[in-house]
Amino acid sequence: MYKSGVASSLDEMISSINQLSERVGGFTTKTYNMLAVTLLLKDDVDKAIRIFESAINELQLESEEGQKKLSENKSSDLSCLLYNYLKCLYLKNGQGQGVDYFKQDPLTKQLFGYLVKVDQGMGRLIFEER
């Protein structure tokens, strides 16, 4: 899909993100998002989904602490992560289904609910983009 130079640059970016996370003691919401989006650029949707899943699991959004993260003022890192995860899931499972995919898939409904709590405007963008 990509010329070797682009693929090599993406691999270097992935390596740099991993090294950064090691230096700071683990992944943050932002570094999880950067890593997953870079994997999407490499057309590795399955790995990107696993990275997004890890991020969501680590955030524990169903817990009391996680609910605080959702209800506090806008978190652009969290809203971008949720937005990109939803788009990634759509790429993997929802193509051709349109808006119905977001209504029928339990995981996307849950993630969309989180996104709307954090940033309603970004939630609307899911349906406005084509």
Protein backbone atom coordinates (compact mmCIF):
# COMPACT_ATOMS: atom_id res chain seq x y z
CA MET A 1 0.00 0.00 0.00
CA TYR A 2 2.77 2.43 0.93
CA LYS A 3 6.18 2.98 -0.53
CA SER A 4 8.91 1.51 1.61
CA GLY A 5 9.97 4.97 2.80
CA VAL A 6 6.53 5.71 4.24
CA ALA A 7 6.24 2.28 5.85
CA SER A 8 9.70 2.71 7.34
CA SER A 9 8.76 6.13 8.70
CA LEU A 10 5.62 4.70 10.27
CA ASP A 11 7.65 1.89 11.85
CA GLU A 12 10.06 4.48 13.25
CA MET A 13 7.14 6.44 14.63
CA ILE A 14 5.74 3.32 16.32
CA SER A 15 9.15 2.60 17.81
CA SER A 16 9.46 6.19 19.07
CA ILE A 17 6.02 6.07 20.70
CA ASN A 18 6.89 2.79 22.41
CA GLN A 19 10.20 4.23 23.64
CA LEU A 20 8.44 7.32 24.93
CA SER A 21 5.98 5.23 26.88
CA GLU A 22 8.83 3.27 28.42
CA ARG A 23 10.59 6.46 29.51
CA VAL A 24 7.52 7.93 31.17
CA GLY A 25 6.45 4.71 32.87
CA GLY A 26 3.65 3.57 30.59
CA PHE A 27 1.21 4.65 27.97
CA THR A 28 -1.00 7.67 28.39
CA THR A 29 -4.31 8.23 26.66
CA LYS A 30 -2.47 10.37 24.11
CA THR A 31 0.28 7.83 23.38
CA TYR A 32 -2.24 4.99 23.07
CA ASN A 33 -4.13 7.11 20.55
CA MET A 34 -0.99 8.05 18.61
CA LEU A 35 0.12 4.43 18.43
CA ALA A 36 -3.28 3.15 17.29
CA VAL A 37 -3.67 5.87 14.64
CA THR A 38 -0.16 5.13 13.34
CA LEU A 39 -1.14 1.47 13.05
CA LEU A 40 -4.23 2.55 11.11
CA LEU A 41 -1.99 4.47 8.73
CA LYS A 42 -0.10 1.20 8.20
CA ASP A 43 -3.46 -0.43 7.46
CA ASP A 44 -3.16 -2.68 10.52
CA VAL A 45 -6.70 -2.27 11.79
CA ASP A 46 -6.63 -5.37 14.00
CA LYS A 47 -3.59 -4.19 15.97
CA ALA A 48 -5.07 -0.70 16.22
CA ILE A 49 -8.26 -2.15 17.71
CA ARG A 50 -6.21 -4.06 20.29
CA ILE A 51 -4.39 -0.85 21.26
CA PHE A 52 -7.68 1.04 21.60
CA GLU A 53 -9.12 -1.83 23.68
CA SER A 54 -6.10 -1.70 25.99
CA ALA A 55 -6.51 2.04 26.44
CA ILE A 56 -10.21 1.76 27.26
CA ASN A 57 -9.58 -1.14 29.65
CA GLU A 58 -6.87 0.83 31.43
CA LEU A 59 -9.13 3.88 31.76
CA GLN A 60 -11.81 1.73 33.45
CA LEU A 61 -14.59 4.04 32.30
CA GLU A 62 -17.28 1.94 33.97
CA SER A 63 -15.71 2.43 37.41
CA GLU A 64 -16.45 5.35 39.71
CA GLU A 65 -13.08 6.89 38.87
CA GLY A 66 -13.71 6.35 35.16
CA GLN A 67 -17.09 8.07 35.41
CA LYS A 68 -15.35 11.07 36.96
CA LYS A 69 -13.03 11.21 33.95
CA LEU A 70 -16.08 11.26 31.70
CA SER A 71 -17.99 13.89 33.66
CA GLU A 72 -15.12 16.31 34.28
CA ASN A 73 -14.45 19.10 31.86
CA LYS A 74 -13.62 18.27 28.26
CA SER A 75 -10.69 15.94 27.81
CA SER A 76 -9.46 16.31 24.27
CA ASP A 77 -7.16 13.30 24.66
CA LEU A 78 -10.02 11.06 25.79
CA SER A 79 -12.48 12.37 23.20
CA CYS A 80 -9.93 11.90 20.39
CA LEU A 81 -9.21 8.36 21.57
CA LEU A 82 -12.92 7.49 21.66
CA TYR A 83 -13.57 9.14 18.29
CA ASN A 84 -10.68 7.32 16.62
CA TYR A 85 -11.64 4.01 18.22
CA LEU A 86 -15.19 4.36 16.91
CA LYS A 87 -13.90 5.16 13.41
CA CYS A 88 -11.52 2.18 13.61
CA LEU A 89 -14.35 -0.18 14.58
CA TYR A 90 -16.42 1.18 11.71
CA LEU A 91 -13.55 0.52 9.29
CA LYS A 92 -13.29 -3.05 10.53
CA ASN A 93 -16.93 -4.02 10.96
CA GLY A 94 -19.37 -1.39 9.79
CA GLN A 95 -18.60 -0.44 6.23
CA GLY A 96 -21.70 -0.31 4.11
CA GLN A 97 -24.03 -0.17 7.12
CA GLY A 98 -23.98 3.58 7.62
CA VAL A 99 -25.48 4.98 10.81
CA ASP A 100 -27.22 1.66 11.51
CA TYR A 101 -23.88 0.18 12.55
CA PHE A 102 -23.62 2.65 15.42
CA LYS A 103 -27.17 1.82 16.51
CA GLN A 104 -26.80 -1.96 16.40
CA ASP A 105 -23.31 -2.73 17.70
CA PRO A 106 -23.24 -2.80 21.53
CA LEU A 107 -19.59 -1.74 21.83
CA THR A 108 -19.97 1.26 19.54
CA LYS A 109 -23.13 2.30 21.39
CA GLN A 110 -21.22 2.20 24.67
CA LEU A 111 -18.22 4.08 23.26
CA PHE A 112 -20.48 6.65 21.61
CA GLY A 113 -22.18 7.20 24.98
CA TYR A 114 -18.78 7.87 26.54
CA LEU A 115 -17.84 10.23 23.72
CA VAL A 116 -21.03 12.26 24.08
CA LYS A 117 -20.40 12.60 27.84
CA VAL A 118 -16.92 13.95 27.18
CA ASP A 119 -17.55 16.04 24.07
CA GLN A 120 -20.98 16.30 22.44
CA GLY A 121 -19.60 18.22 19.47
CA MET A 122 -17.15 15.49 18.59
CA GLY A 123 -19.94 12.94 18.94
CA ARG A 124 -21.88 14.74 16.22
CA LEU A 125 -18.84 14.66 13.93
CA ILE A 126 -19.06 10.87 13.77
CA PHE A 127 -22.23 11.21 11.71
CA GLU A 128 -21.28 14.31 9.74
CA GLU A 129 -18.07 12.94 8.25
CA ARG A 130 -18.20 10.73 5.21
